[in-house]
């Protein structure tokens, strides 16, 4: 898709709103890329256990803001089917975002996307996208790690997830 000036300007305005929110919250971030085609912001977080990196990418062509975070570990090939079942269980209860598992490499990541077509997202919405992503990742990253390393049986992962959903519903 051709990058027209209206889409370029809209991405620039959304990038400005995102950076303003990060500055207001005094978060450390790195601008990995900022071109007419896209902006890529990287933010490091430390949750309750495993540190995480959030990547926020704004794509001019599709007018999408995507937050994604790869886990700092992979599922070994002999545990990928358990990983797929765990990802399915985790995604079942999520309202926003989802986990993806690459069945060939064992890479797992979280992804949340929002359209900004014809609009500028508020600082509050960017904050929501970032913090709901970080909270969701923090809730699951240790469980996925323990499952991937054989320290947590799949049945326990599923039980813990069901208990979490019961507490929320």
N, C-alpha and C. Protein backbone atom coordinates (compact mmCIF):
# COMPACT_ATOMS: atom_id res chain seq x y z
N UNK A 1 0.86 -1.18 0.00
CA UNK A 1 0.00 0.00 0.00
C UNK A 1 0.89 1.24 0.00
N UNK A 2 0.52 2.19 -0.79
CA UNK A 2 1.27 3.44 -0.89
C UNK A 2 1.09 4.27 0.37
N UNK A 3 2.17 4.90 0.79
CA UNK A 3 2.11 5.74 1.98
C UNK A 3 1.72 7.16 1.55
N UNK A 4 0.47 7.53 1.83
CA UNK A 4 0.06 8.89 1.49
C UNK A 4 0.36 9.82 2.66
N UNK A 5 0.34 11.10 2.40
CA UNK A 5 0.73 12.09 3.41
C UNK A 5 -0.19 12.09 4.62
N UNK A 6 -1.47 11.80 4.41
CA UNK A 6 -2.40 11.77 5.54
C UNK A 6 -2.04 10.63 6.51
N UNK A 7 -1.70 9.47 5.98
CA UNK A 7 -1.31 8.34 6.84
C UNK A 7 0.02 8.60 7.52
N UNK A 8 0.95 9.21 6.80
CA UNK A 8 2.25 9.54 7.39
C UNK A 8 2.05 10.52 8.55
N UNK A 9 1.23 11.56 8.32
CA UNK A 9 0.97 12.55 9.37
C UNK A 9 0.26 11.91 10.57
N UNK A 10 -0.65 10.99 10.29
CA UNK A 10 -1.39 10.34 11.38
C UNK A 10 -0.45 9.46 12.21
N UNK A 11 0.45 8.75 11.57
CA UNK A 11 1.42 7.94 12.32
C UNK A 11 2.33 8.84 13.15
N UNK A 12 2.74 9.96 12.58
CA UNK A 12 3.59 10.90 13.33
C UNK A 12 2.85 11.44 14.55
N UNK A 13 1.57 11.77 14.40
CA UNK A 13 0.79 12.27 15.54
C UNK A 13 0.61 11.19 16.61
N UNK A 14 0.39 9.95 16.19
CA UNK A 14 0.25 8.85 17.14
C UNK A 14 1.58 8.56 17.84
N UNK A 15 2.67 8.64 17.11
CA UNK A 15 3.99 8.45 17.73
C UNK A 15 4.24 9.54 18.77
N UNK A 16 3.88 10.75 18.45
CA UNK A 16 4.05 11.86 19.39
C UNK A 16 3.23 11.62 20.66
N UNK A 17 1.99 11.13 20.52
CA UNK A 17 1.15 10.85 21.69
C UNK A 17 1.74 9.72 22.52
N UNK A 18 2.26 8.68 21.86
CA UNK A 18 2.89 7.57 22.57
C UNK A 18 4.10 8.04 23.36
N UNK A 19 4.99 8.81 22.72
CA UNK A 19 6.19 9.28 23.39
C UNK A 19 5.85 10.24 24.53
N UNK A 20 4.81 11.04 24.36
CA UNK A 20 4.39 11.95 25.43
C UNK A 20 3.93 11.15 26.66
N UNK A 21 3.19 10.07 26.42
CA UNK A 21 2.74 9.22 27.53
C UNK A 21 3.94 8.60 28.24
N UNK A 22 4.90 8.09 27.47
CA UNK A 22 6.08 7.46 28.07
C UNK A 22 6.88 8.48 28.89
N UNK A 23 7.02 9.70 28.34
CA UNK A 23 7.74 10.75 29.07
C UNK A 23 6.99 11.15 30.33
N UNK A 24 5.66 11.28 30.22
CA UNK A 24 4.86 11.66 31.39
C UNK A 24 4.99 10.62 32.51
N UNK A 25 5.04 9.37 32.15
CA UNK A 25 5.16 8.29 33.14
C UNK A 25 6.61 8.04 33.53
N UNK A 26 7.52 8.83 32.95
CA UNK A 26 8.96 8.76 33.24
C UNK A 26 9.51 7.35 33.02
N UNK A 27 9.08 6.74 31.92
CA UNK A 27 9.56 5.41 31.57
C UNK A 27 10.77 5.52 30.64
N UNK A 28 11.71 4.63 30.82
CA UNK A 28 12.87 4.60 29.94
C UNK A 28 12.50 3.81 28.70
N UNK A 29 12.83 4.35 27.55
CA UNK A 29 12.50 3.70 26.29
C UNK A 29 13.58 4.03 25.27
N UNK A 30 13.59 3.26 24.21
CA UNK A 30 14.51 3.49 23.10
C UNK A 30 13.70 3.58 21.82
N UNK A 31 13.95 4.61 21.05
CA UNK A 31 13.33 4.72 19.73
C UNK A 31 14.23 3.92 18.79
N UNK A 32 13.77 2.74 18.41
CA UNK A 32 14.54 1.86 17.53
C UNK A 32 14.47 2.32 16.08
N UNK A 33 13.33 2.88 15.70
CA UNK A 33 13.13 3.34 14.32
C UNK A 33 12.02 4.39 14.32
N UNK A 34 12.20 5.42 13.52
CA UNK A 34 11.14 6.41 13.34
C UNK A 34 11.27 6.96 11.93
N UNK A 35 10.49 6.36 11.03
CA UNK A 35 10.50 6.74 9.61
C UNK A 35 9.07 7.02 9.18
N UNK A 36 8.90 7.43 7.94
CA UNK A 36 7.53 7.60 7.43
C UNK A 36 6.77 6.28 7.45
N UNK A 37 7.46 5.16 7.28
CA UNK A 37 6.81 3.86 7.18
C UNK A 37 6.40 3.30 8.53
N UNK A 38 7.18 3.58 9.57
CA UNK A 38 6.85 3.03 10.88
C UNK A 38 7.67 3.65 11.99
N UNK A 39 7.14 3.48 13.20
CA UNK A 39 7.87 3.84 14.42
C UNK A 39 7.98 2.57 15.25
N UNK A 40 9.13 2.40 15.88
CA UNK A 40 9.36 1.22 16.72
C UNK A 40 10.00 1.71 18.02
N UNK A 41 9.27 1.52 19.12
CA UNK A 41 9.71 1.94 20.45
C UNK A 41 9.91 0.69 21.28
N UNK A 42 11.03 0.59 22.00
CA UNK A 42 11.33 -0.55 22.86
C UNK A 42 11.37 -0.08 24.31
N UNK A 43 10.67 -0.84 25.18
CA UNK A 43 10.58 -0.50 26.60
C UNK A 43 10.89 -1.76 27.41
N UNK A 44 11.74 -1.64 28.40
CA UNK A 44 12.04 -2.76 29.28
C UNK A 44 11.25 -2.64 30.57
N UNK A 45 10.72 -3.75 31.05
CA UNK A 45 9.97 -3.80 32.30
C UNK A 45 10.52 -4.93 33.15
N UNK A 46 10.46 -4.76 34.44
CA UNK A 46 10.74 -5.85 35.36
C UNK A 46 9.46 -6.09 36.14
N UNK A 47 8.92 -7.29 35.98
CA UNK A 47 7.70 -7.65 36.69
C UNK A 47 8.04 -8.36 37.98
N UNK A 48 7.20 -9.31 38.35
CA UNK A 48 7.41 -10.07 39.58
C UNK A 48 8.47 -11.15 39.43
N UNK A 49 8.85 -11.46 38.22
CA UNK A 49 9.78 -12.56 38.03
C UNK A 49 10.70 -12.34 36.83
N UNK A 50 10.28 -12.68 35.65
CA UNK A 50 11.13 -12.63 34.46
C UNK A 50 11.03 -11.24 33.82
N UNK A 51 12.18 -10.56 33.59
CA UNK A 51 12.13 -9.26 32.89
C UNK A 51 11.51 -9.41 31.51
N UNK A 52 10.90 -8.34 31.02
CA UNK A 52 10.26 -8.38 29.70
C UNK A 52 10.61 -7.14 28.91
N UNK A 53 10.56 -7.29 27.61
CA UNK A 53 10.77 -6.18 26.69
C UNK A 53 9.51 -6.03 25.86
N UNK A 54 8.94 -4.83 25.87
CA UNK A 54 7.79 -4.53 25.02
C UNK A 54 8.28 -3.76 23.80
N UNK A 55 7.81 -4.16 22.65
CA UNK A 55 8.06 -3.44 21.41
C UNK A 55 6.72 -2.86 20.98
N UNK A 56 6.67 -1.56 20.77
CA UNK A 56 5.46 -0.92 20.26
C UNK A 56 5.79 -0.43 18.86
N UNK A 57 5.04 -0.94 17.90
CA UNK A 57 5.29 -0.60 16.50
C UNK A 57 4.04 0.03 15.91
N UNK A 58 4.22 1.20 15.31
CA UNK A 58 3.15 1.87 14.60
C UNK A 58 3.44 1.77 13.11
N UNK A 59 2.54 1.14 12.37
CA UNK A 59 2.72 0.92 10.94
C UNK A 59 1.86 1.88 10.14
N UNK A 60 2.51 2.69 9.35
CA UNK A 60 1.81 3.70 8.56
C UNK A 60 0.89 3.07 7.53
N UNK A 61 1.35 2.05 6.83
CA UNK A 61 0.53 1.46 5.76
C UNK A 61 -0.79 0.91 6.27
N UNK A 62 -0.76 0.24 7.39
CA UNK A 62 -1.98 -0.38 7.94
C UNK A 62 -2.64 0.44 9.03
N UNK A 63 -1.97 1.51 9.48
CA UNK A 63 -2.49 2.36 10.54
C UNK A 63 -2.80 1.52 11.79
N UNK A 64 -1.82 0.72 12.18
CA UNK A 64 -1.95 -0.16 13.34
C UNK A 64 -0.85 0.11 14.35
N UNK A 65 -1.24 0.07 15.62
CA UNK A 65 -0.28 0.08 16.72
C UNK A 65 -0.27 -1.33 17.29
N UNK A 66 0.91 -1.93 17.34
CA UNK A 66 1.05 -3.29 17.84
C UNK A 66 2.05 -3.31 18.98
N UNK A 67 1.65 -3.92 20.07
CA UNK A 67 2.56 -4.18 21.18
C UNK A 67 2.89 -5.66 21.10
N UNK A 68 4.17 -5.99 21.08
CA UNK A 68 4.53 -7.40 21.16
C UNK A 68 5.73 -7.57 22.06
N UNK A 69 5.81 -8.77 22.61
CA UNK A 69 6.89 -9.07 23.55
C UNK A 69 7.28 -10.53 23.41
N UNK A 70 8.48 -10.79 22.88
CA UNK A 70 8.94 -12.18 22.83
C UNK A 70 9.42 -12.62 24.22
N UNK A 71 9.13 -13.85 24.56
CA UNK A 71 9.62 -14.40 25.82
C UNK A 71 11.12 -14.67 25.67
N UNK A 72 11.89 -14.54 26.75
CA UNK A 72 13.35 -14.72 26.66
C UNK A 72 13.76 -16.20 26.72
N UNK A 73 12.87 -17.08 26.30
CA UNK A 73 13.14 -18.52 26.26
C UNK A 73 12.29 -19.10 25.15
N UNK A 74 12.58 -20.32 24.76
CA UNK A 74 11.77 -21.01 23.75
C UNK A 74 11.36 -22.38 24.30
N UNK A 75 10.31 -22.92 23.71
CA UNK A 75 9.91 -24.28 24.03
C UNK A 75 10.80 -25.23 23.23
N UNK A 76 11.37 -26.24 23.90
CA UNK A 76 12.13 -27.24 23.14
C UNK A 76 11.17 -28.02 22.24
N UNK A 77 11.69 -28.55 21.16
CA UNK A 77 10.85 -29.24 20.18
C UNK A 77 9.99 -30.33 20.79
N UNK A 78 10.50 -31.03 21.78
CA UNK A 78 9.73 -32.13 22.39
C UNK A 78 8.63 -31.63 23.34
N UNK A 79 8.54 -30.32 23.58
CA UNK A 79 7.51 -29.77 24.46
C UNK A 79 6.58 -28.79 23.74
N UNK A 80 6.74 -28.65 22.42
CA UNK A 80 5.95 -27.66 21.67
C UNK A 80 4.45 -27.99 21.73
N UNK A 81 4.07 -29.25 21.66
CA UNK A 81 2.63 -29.56 21.70
C UNK A 81 2.03 -29.15 23.05
N UNK A 82 2.77 -29.32 24.14
CA UNK A 82 2.29 -28.85 25.44
C UNK A 82 2.23 -27.32 25.46
N UNK A 83 3.22 -26.69 24.84
CA UNK A 83 3.20 -25.23 24.73
C UNK A 83 1.99 -24.74 23.99
N UNK A 84 1.62 -25.43 22.90
CA UNK A 84 0.45 -25.03 22.12
C UNK A 84 -0.83 -25.17 22.95
N UNK A 85 -0.93 -26.22 23.73
CA UNK A 85 -2.10 -26.38 24.58
C UNK A 85 -2.15 -25.29 25.66
N UNK A 86 -0.99 -24.97 26.21
CA UNK A 86 -0.94 -23.92 27.24
C UNK A 86 -1.31 -22.56 26.65
N UNK A 87 -0.81 -22.26 25.46
CA UNK A 87 -1.14 -20.99 24.80
C UNK A 87 -2.65 -20.92 24.55
N UNK A 88 -3.23 -22.02 24.11
CA UNK A 88 -4.68 -22.06 23.87
C UNK A 88 -5.44 -21.80 25.17
N UNK A 89 -5.01 -22.44 26.25
CA UNK A 89 -5.67 -22.24 27.54
C UNK A 89 -5.54 -20.79 27.99
N UNK A 90 -4.35 -20.23 27.87
CA UNK A 90 -4.14 -18.84 28.29
C UNK A 90 -4.98 -17.88 27.45
N UNK A 91 -4.99 -18.07 26.14
CA UNK A 91 -5.72 -17.16 25.26
C UNK A 91 -7.23 -17.21 25.48
N UNK A 92 -7.74 -18.35 25.93
CA UNK A 92 -9.17 -18.51 26.13
C UNK A 92 -9.73 -17.45 27.08
N UNK A 93 -8.98 -17.09 28.10
CA UNK A 93 -9.48 -16.15 29.09
C UNK A 93 -9.07 -14.71 28.88
N UNK A 94 -8.28 -14.43 27.85
CA UNK A 94 -7.80 -13.06 27.64
C UNK A 94 -8.85 -12.21 26.93
N UNK A 95 -9.02 -11.00 27.40
CA UNK A 95 -9.94 -10.05 26.76
C UNK A 95 -9.21 -9.30 25.65
N UNK A 96 -8.00 -8.84 25.94
CA UNK A 96 -7.20 -8.10 24.96
C UNK A 96 -5.85 -8.78 24.80
N UNK A 97 -5.45 -8.97 23.57
CA UNK A 97 -4.15 -9.55 23.27
C UNK A 97 -4.20 -11.06 23.21
N UNK A 98 -3.08 -11.63 22.79
CA UNK A 98 -2.98 -13.09 22.71
C UNK A 98 -1.52 -13.49 22.70
N UNK A 99 -1.31 -14.75 23.03
CA UNK A 99 0.02 -15.33 22.93
C UNK A 99 0.09 -16.09 21.61
N UNK A 100 1.26 -16.06 20.99
CA UNK A 100 1.53 -16.79 19.76
C UNK A 100 2.68 -17.74 20.03
N UNK A 101 2.62 -18.92 19.46
CA UNK A 101 3.69 -19.89 19.57
C UNK A 101 4.10 -20.32 18.17
N UNK A 102 5.37 -20.15 17.84
CA UNK A 102 5.89 -20.61 16.56
C UNK A 102 6.16 -22.11 16.70
N UNK A 103 5.40 -22.90 15.99
CA UNK A 103 5.48 -24.36 16.13
C UNK A 103 6.80 -24.93 15.60
N UNK A 104 7.55 -24.19 14.82
CA UNK A 104 8.82 -24.69 14.30
C UNK A 104 10.00 -24.31 15.19
N UNK A 105 9.96 -23.12 15.77
CA UNK A 105 11.11 -22.65 16.56
C UNK A 105 10.89 -22.72 18.07
N UNK A 106 9.62 -22.83 18.50
CA UNK A 106 9.31 -22.83 19.92
C UNK A 106 9.25 -21.44 20.53
N UNK A 107 9.40 -20.40 19.69
CA UNK A 107 9.33 -19.03 20.20
C UNK A 107 7.89 -18.72 20.61
N UNK A 108 7.75 -18.06 21.75
CA UNK A 108 6.45 -17.63 22.24
C UNK A 108 6.50 -16.13 22.46
N UNK A 109 5.42 -15.46 22.11
CA UNK A 109 5.36 -14.02 22.33
C UNK A 109 3.92 -13.59 22.57
N UNK A 110 3.80 -12.42 23.18
CA UNK A 110 2.51 -11.80 23.41
C UNK A 110 2.31 -10.72 22.35
N UNK A 111 1.06 -10.54 21.90
CA UNK A 111 0.77 -9.54 20.87
C UNK A 111 -0.59 -8.90 21.15
N UNK A 112 -0.64 -7.58 21.03
CA UNK A 112 -1.88 -6.82 21.18
C UNK A 112 -1.87 -5.72 20.12
N UNK A 113 -2.96 -5.57 19.38
CA UNK A 113 -3.00 -4.63 18.26
C UNK A 113 -4.23 -3.73 18.36
N UNK A 114 -4.05 -2.47 17.96
CA UNK A 114 -5.15 -1.53 17.92
C UNK A 114 -5.02 -0.66 16.66
N UNK A 115 -6.12 -0.43 16.00
CA UNK A 115 -6.12 0.42 14.81
C UNK A 115 -6.19 1.89 15.22
N UNK A 116 -5.45 2.72 14.48
CA UNK A 116 -5.57 4.17 14.67
C UNK A 116 -5.98 4.85 13.38
N UNK A 117 -6.61 4.10 12.48
CA UNK A 117 -7.05 4.63 11.20
C UNK A 117 -7.96 5.84 11.40
N UNK A 118 -7.54 6.96 10.87
CA UNK A 118 -8.33 8.18 10.95
C UNK A 118 -8.43 8.79 12.32
N UNK A 119 -7.55 8.42 13.25
CA UNK A 119 -7.64 8.97 14.59
C UNK A 119 -6.26 8.99 15.24
N UNK A 120 -6.19 9.74 16.31
CA UNK A 120 -4.99 9.75 17.14
C UNK A 120 -5.38 9.13 18.47
N UNK A 121 -4.70 8.05 18.81
CA UNK A 121 -5.00 7.38 20.07
C UNK A 121 -4.59 8.27 21.24
N UNK A 122 -5.35 8.23 22.28
CA UNK A 122 -5.05 9.06 23.45
C UNK A 122 -3.86 8.47 24.21
N UNK A 123 -3.25 9.32 25.02
CA UNK A 123 -2.17 8.84 25.89
C UNK A 123 -2.71 7.76 26.82
N UNK A 124 -3.97 7.89 27.25
CA UNK A 124 -4.56 6.89 28.12
C UNK A 124 -4.69 5.54 27.43
N UNK A 125 -5.05 5.55 26.15
CA UNK A 125 -5.16 4.28 25.43
C UNK A 125 -3.79 3.65 25.22
N UNK A 126 -2.79 4.45 24.88
CA UNK A 126 -1.44 3.91 24.76
C UNK A 126 -0.97 3.33 26.10
N UNK A 127 -1.30 4.02 27.17
CA UNK A 127 -0.95 3.52 28.50
C UNK A 127 -1.64 2.19 28.77
N UNK A 128 -2.91 2.10 28.43
CA UNK A 128 -3.66 0.86 28.60
C UNK A 128 -3.03 -0.27 27.80
N UNK A 129 -2.73 -0.02 26.53
CA UNK A 129 -2.13 -1.05 25.68
C UNK A 129 -0.82 -1.57 26.29
N UNK A 130 -0.02 -0.66 26.79
CA UNK A 130 1.27 -1.03 27.34
C UNK A 130 1.12 -1.76 28.67
N UNK A 131 0.33 -1.24 29.58
CA UNK A 131 0.25 -1.83 30.91
C UNK A 131 -0.57 -3.12 30.94
N UNK A 132 -1.61 -3.24 30.12
CA UNK A 132 -2.33 -4.51 30.08
C UNK A 132 -1.44 -5.58 29.47
N UNK A 133 -0.61 -5.20 28.51
CA UNK A 133 0.35 -6.16 27.93
C UNK A 133 1.33 -6.61 29.00
N UNK A 134 1.92 -5.66 29.71
CA UNK A 134 2.91 -5.99 30.73
C UNK A 134 2.29 -6.86 31.84
N UNK A 135 1.09 -6.54 32.27
CA UNK A 135 0.44 -7.32 33.33
C UNK A 135 0.15 -8.74 32.85
N UNK A 136 -0.32 -8.88 31.62
CA UNK A 136 -0.63 -10.21 31.09
C UNK A 136 0.63 -11.04 30.93
N UNK A 137 1.68 -10.43 30.41
CA UNK A 137 2.95 -11.14 30.24
C UNK A 137 3.48 -11.56 31.60
N UNK A 138 3.44 -10.67 32.57
CA UNK A 138 3.96 -10.97 33.90
C UNK A 138 3.18 -12.11 34.56
N UNK A 139 1.88 -12.18 34.29
CA UNK A 139 1.06 -13.25 34.87
C UNK A 139 1.45 -14.61 34.29
N UNK A 140 1.84 -14.65 33.02
CA UNK A 140 2.06 -15.93 32.35
C UNK A 140 3.51 -16.30 32.09
N UNK A 141 4.44 -15.36 32.05
CA UNK A 141 5.79 -15.71 31.58
C UNK A 141 6.47 -16.76 32.45
N UNK A 142 6.29 -16.69 33.75
CA UNK A 142 6.92 -17.71 34.61
C UNK A 142 6.28 -19.08 34.41
N UNK A 143 4.97 -19.11 34.21
CA UNK A 143 4.29 -20.38 33.98
C UNK A 143 4.75 -21.01 32.67
N UNK A 144 4.83 -20.19 31.61
CA UNK A 144 5.31 -20.71 30.33
C UNK A 144 6.75 -21.22 30.46
N UNK A 145 7.57 -20.47 31.19
CA UNK A 145 8.96 -20.90 31.37
C UNK A 145 9.03 -22.24 32.11
N UNK A 146 8.30 -22.35 33.20
CA UNK A 146 8.32 -23.59 33.98
C UNK A 146 7.80 -24.77 33.15
N UNK A 147 6.76 -24.52 32.36
CA UNK A 147 6.24 -25.57 31.48
C UNK A 147 7.28 -25.95 30.43
N UNK A 148 7.91 -24.95 29.82
CA UNK A 148 8.88 -25.23 28.76
C UNK A 148 10.09 -25.98 29.27
N UNK A 149 10.43 -25.79 30.53
CA UNK A 149 11.60 -26.45 31.10
C UNK A 149 11.26 -27.76 31.81
N UNK A 150 9.97 -28.15 31.78
CA UNK A 150 9.56 -29.41 32.39
C UNK A 150 9.34 -29.34 33.89
N UNK A 151 9.37 -28.14 34.46
CA UNK A 151 9.20 -27.99 35.90
C UNK A 151 7.74 -27.84 36.33
N UNK A 152 6.84 -27.64 35.36
CA UNK A 152 5.41 -27.49 35.65
C UNK A 152 4.65 -28.38 34.68
N UNK A 153 3.88 -29.32 35.20
CA UNK A 153 3.07 -30.16 34.31
C UNK A 153 1.97 -29.33 33.62
N UNK A 154 1.61 -29.74 32.42
CA UNK A 154 0.57 -29.04 31.67
C UNK A 154 -0.73 -28.98 32.48
N UNK A 155 -1.10 -30.05 33.15
CA UNK A 155 -2.34 -30.07 33.94
C UNK A 155 -2.32 -28.98 35.00
N UNK A 156 -1.17 -28.74 35.62
CA UNK A 156 -1.08 -27.68 36.63
C UNK A 156 -1.19 -26.30 35.99
N UNK A 157 -0.59 -26.12 34.80
CA UNK A 157 -0.71 -24.85 34.08
C UNK A 157 -2.19 -24.56 33.81
N UNK A 158 -2.90 -25.55 33.29
CA UNK A 158 -4.31 -25.38 32.95
C UNK A 158 -5.13 -25.11 34.21
N UNK A 159 -4.84 -25.82 35.29
CA UNK A 159 -5.56 -25.61 36.55
C UNK A 159 -5.35 -24.20 37.08
N UNK A 160 -4.09 -23.74 37.07
CA UNK A 160 -3.78 -22.39 37.56
C UNK A 160 -4.51 -21.34 36.72
N UNK A 161 -4.54 -21.56 35.41
CA UNK A 161 -5.22 -20.61 34.54
C UNK A 161 -6.72 -20.59 34.81
N UNK A 162 -7.31 -21.75 35.00
CA UNK A 162 -8.74 -21.82 35.31
C UNK A 162 -9.04 -21.15 36.64
N UNK A 163 -8.16 -21.31 37.62
CA UNK A 163 -8.35 -20.65 38.91
C UNK A 163 -8.28 -19.13 38.75
N UNK A 164 -7.34 -18.65 37.93
CA UNK A 164 -7.26 -17.21 37.66
C UNK A 164 -8.53 -16.69 37.04
N UNK A 165 -9.07 -17.40 36.05
CA UNK A 165 -10.30 -16.98 35.39
C UNK A 165 -11.46 -16.95 36.37
N UNK A 166 -11.52 -17.94 37.27
CA UNK A 166 -12.58 -17.99 38.26
C UNK A 166 -12.54 -16.80 39.20
N UNK A 167 -11.33 -16.36 39.54
CA UNK A 167 -11.17 -15.20 40.43
C UNK A 167 -11.59 -13.92 39.75
N UNK A 168 -11.42 -13.86 38.42
CA UNK A 168 -11.74 -12.63 37.68
C UNK A 168 -13.20 -12.56 37.32
N UNK A 169 -13.80 -13.70 36.99
CA UNK A 169 -15.20 -13.70 36.51
C UNK A 169 -16.16 -13.48 37.56
